[in-house]
Amino acid sequence: MSNSPLTQEQLEYFKNRLLSDKKRLTEELEHLGNKDKTGKFAVDYNKIESGGSSDDDNASEISEMADLVAIEERLQKELGDVNKALKAMEDGTYGICKYTGKPIDIRRLEARPTSLTSVEAKKTLTQEL
């Protein structure tokens, strides 16, 4: 039973967008590294050339590793958000603010299909932090 305020066509549209994002994010993560024992992707540091002969080479390698870790963390978070939105869709709560129980404006979902909160709730939350 769906409690979503969205029409079936809208739900299908957002589901397709989310599945497309999931595929893209998964491919990007696979490109960066391999899955670890928990099923999460981990950067394959062996892909980075090592053994620099100068301090500049070593600094460059460290910088590249730090960049890869930051990219991986961002992609992991985005993939987690996509999975949460897909779960909300399965549960019939997609499009409903998890804090207020009110419908999320369609324009917010268009801009960010992974949104599980309304703009009003998000503003309230960020002001409290």
Protein backbone atom coordinates (compact mmCIF):
# COMPACT_ATOMS: atom_id res chain seq x y z
CA MET A 1 0.00 0.00 0.00
CA SER A 2 1.51 3.25 -1.11
CA ASN A 3 1.06 6.38 0.96
CA SER A 4 3.08 8.40 -1.53
CA PRO A 5 1.44 11.62 -2.74
CA LEU A 6 2.94 11.02 -6.19
CA THR A 7 1.13 9.51 -9.15
CA GLN A 8 2.21 6.14 -10.51
CA GLU A 9 3.80 7.90 -13.49
CA GLN A 10 5.76 10.23 -11.22
CA LEU A 11 6.93 7.32 -9.07
CA GLU A 12 8.05 5.43 -12.18
CA TYR A 13 9.88 8.52 -13.45
CA PHE A 14 11.77 8.99 -10.16
CA LYS A 15 12.46 5.28 -9.84
CA ASN A 16 14.08 5.29 -13.28
CA ARG A 17 16.18 8.32 -12.36
CA LEU A 18 17.27 6.71 -9.10
CA LEU A 19 18.12 3.41 -10.79
CA SER A 20 20.13 5.28 -13.42
CA ASP A 21 22.00 7.16 -10.67
CA LYS A 22 22.62 3.88 -8.82
CA LYS A 23 24.10 2.30 -11.95
CA ARG A 24 26.32 5.32 -12.62
CA LEU A 25 27.54 5.54 -9.01
CA THR A 26 28.23 1.81 -8.84
CA GLU A 27 30.23 1.96 -12.08
CA GLU A 28 32.24 4.92 -10.78
CA LEU A 29 32.97 3.10 -7.53
CA GLU A 30 33.96 -0.06 -9.41
CA HIS A 31 36.33 2.03 -11.50
CA LEU A 32 37.99 3.37 -8.34
CA GLY A 33 38.51 0.06 -6.62
CA ASN A 34 37.11 -3.23 -5.45
CA LYS A 35 34.44 -4.40 -3.03
CA ASP A 36 35.70 -5.23 0.43
CA LYS A 37 34.43 -8.08 2.64
CA THR A 38 31.38 -6.05 3.70
CA GLY A 39 30.34 -5.41 0.11
CA LYS A 40 31.40 -1.76 0.18
CA PHE A 41 33.75 -0.43 -2.43
CA ALA A 42 37.26 0.46 -1.40
CA VAL A 43 39.84 2.43 -3.33
CA ASP A 44 42.45 0.21 -4.93
CA TYR A 45 45.63 2.03 -3.95
CA ASN A 46 47.65 -0.36 -6.11
CA LYS A 47 46.34 1.59 -9.10
CA ILE A 48 48.38 4.58 -7.94
CA GLU A 49 51.96 4.59 -9.10
CA SER A 50 54.28 4.47 -6.14
CA GLY A 51 57.94 4.60 -5.47
CA GLY A 52 58.50 8.22 -6.30
CA SER A 53 62.12 9.22 -6.24
CA SER A 54 61.59 12.68 -4.79
CA ASP A 55 59.65 14.39 -2.07
CA ASP A 56 57.54 16.03 -4.77
CA ASP A 57 56.63 12.62 -6.23
CA ASN A 58 55.71 11.31 -2.78
CA ALA A 59 53.64 14.40 -1.99
CA SER A 60 51.85 14.02 -5.31
CA GLU A 61 51.01 10.37 -4.51
CA ILE A 62 49.67 11.30 -1.08
CA SER A 63 47.58 14.07 -2.60
CA GLU A 64 46.20 11.66 -5.22
CA MET A 65 45.29 9.12 -2.52
CA ALA A 66 43.55 11.79 -0.45
CA ASP A 67 41.59 12.89 -3.52
CA LEU A 68 40.55 9.31 -4.25
CA VAL A 69 39.39 8.77 -0.66
CA ALA A 70 37.33 11.98 -0.80
CA ILE A 71 35.78 10.96 -4.13
CA GLU A 72 35.03 7.47 -2.82
CA GLU A 73 33.37 8.84 0.32
CA ARG A 74 31.20 11.21 -1.74
CA LEU A 75 30.17 8.44 -4.13
CA GLN A 76 29.43 6.07 -1.22
CA LYS A 77 27.23 8.71 0.43
CA GLU A 78 25.38 9.42 -2.82
CA LEU A 79 24.85 5.68 -3.40
CA GLY A 80 23.55 5.33 0.17
CA ASP A 81 21.10 8.20 -0.43
CA VAL A 82 19.90 6.55 -3.65
CA ASN A 83 19.38 3.24 -1.85
CA LYS A 84 17.43 4.97 0.95
CA ALA A 85 15.19 6.67 -1.61
CA LEU A 86 14.59 3.37 -3.42
CA LYS A 87 13.76 1.75 -0.06
CA ALA A 88 11.29 4.55 0.68
CA MET A 89 9.74 3.83 -2.71
CA GLU A 90 9.40 0.15 -1.80
CA ASP A 91 7.87 1.10 1.56
CA GLY A 92 5.39 3.45 -0.11
CA THR A 93 6.73 6.51 1.67
CA TYR A 94 8.67 8.12 -1.18
CA GLY A 95 7.69 11.78 -1.53
CA ILE A 96 6.68 12.10 2.12
CA CYS A 97 8.87 14.07 4.52
CA LYS A 98 10.28 11.71 7.13
CA TYR A 99 10.03 14.43 9.79
CA THR A 100 6.73 16.16 9.10
CA GLY A 101 4.79 13.44 7.29
CA LYS A 102 3.78 16.01 4.68
CA PRO A 103 4.34 15.71 0.93
CA ILE A 104 7.73 16.82 -0.41
CA ASP A 105 7.36 19.47 -3.11
CA ILE A 106 7.77 17.91 -6.56
CA ARG A 107 10.29 20.64 -7.48
CA ARG A 108 12.55 19.47 -4.64
CA LEU A 109 12.33 15.89 -5.86
CA GLU A 110 13.11 17.06 -9.40
CA ALA A 111 16.22 18.85 -8.16
CA ARG A 112 17.23 16.07 -5.76
CA PRO A 113 15.37 12.77 -6.25
CA THR A 114 17.05 11.33 -3.14
CA SER A 115 15.38 13.90 -0.85
CA LEU A 116 13.51 12.34 2.04
CA THR A 117 12.78 15.64 3.77
CA SER A 118 10.83 18.72 2.80
CA VAL A 119 12.60 22.05 2.34
CA GLU A 120 10.92 23.38 5.50
CA ALA A 121 12.09 20.44 7.61
CA LYS A 122 15.61 20.65 6.18
CA LYS A 123 15.79 24.39 6.99
CA THR A 124 14.61 23.72 10.54
CA LEU A 125 17.15 20.93 10.99
CA THR A 126 20.08 22.94 9.66
CA GLN A 127 19.19 25.93 11.86
CA GLU A 128 19.17 23.68 14.91
CA LEU A 129 22.68 22.36 14.17
